[in-house]
Amino acid sequence: MADMSLDAIDLRILQVLQDDARTTNAALAEQVGLSPSPCLRRVRRLEQSGRIAGYRAILDRPRTGFGLTVFVEIKVARHSRENAAALEAVLSEMDEVVACHMVSGQADFLAEVVVPDLPAYEALLIDRLLTQPMIEDIRSNFAIRTTKTNGPLPLSGHRAGT
């Protein structure tokens, strides 16, 4: 689908949905100053363009039994496109990896791993990560406390038309 520009109403729709994706179309329309039909058309257009990638519940990790978050820095062996692609594929298949980024700096990838506890991370590290031939080095950074998570995109500073 062709890229579309965002106007002020689109940005407001996105802000409201980031705060509460379960809001009804009628409530959303009222908050952005539209009637329900045009509001729904805009939401559908934002979905079809890929600007809205999906909807989901945000779970409380500790209350759901996932008490440990680890930021894992991974260095690829023999920097090659093949090794990087192989590592991306392995990390994408691991349910414990909730986010992964190719980064610059000491590491090549930064993976956010969520597990119940330290023994679960140890098993993941020893049995599944350290067995990968394309990995040269791994450094684990344990989250002590989470002060902000799942923050919305800063749309208030975003210019309409982009």
Foldseek 3Di string as FASTA:
>chain_A
DDDDFFAPLLLLLQVVCLVPVPDDLCVSCVSSVHHSPVSVVSVVVCCVNCVCVDDDDDDDQVVVQFDWKKWKFWAFPPDDPVLVVVVVVLLVPDPQFPDKDQDDDPGRMITIGTHRDDVVVVCCCPVPPVVDPGTDDMDIDIDPDDDDPSDDDPSVPPHTGD
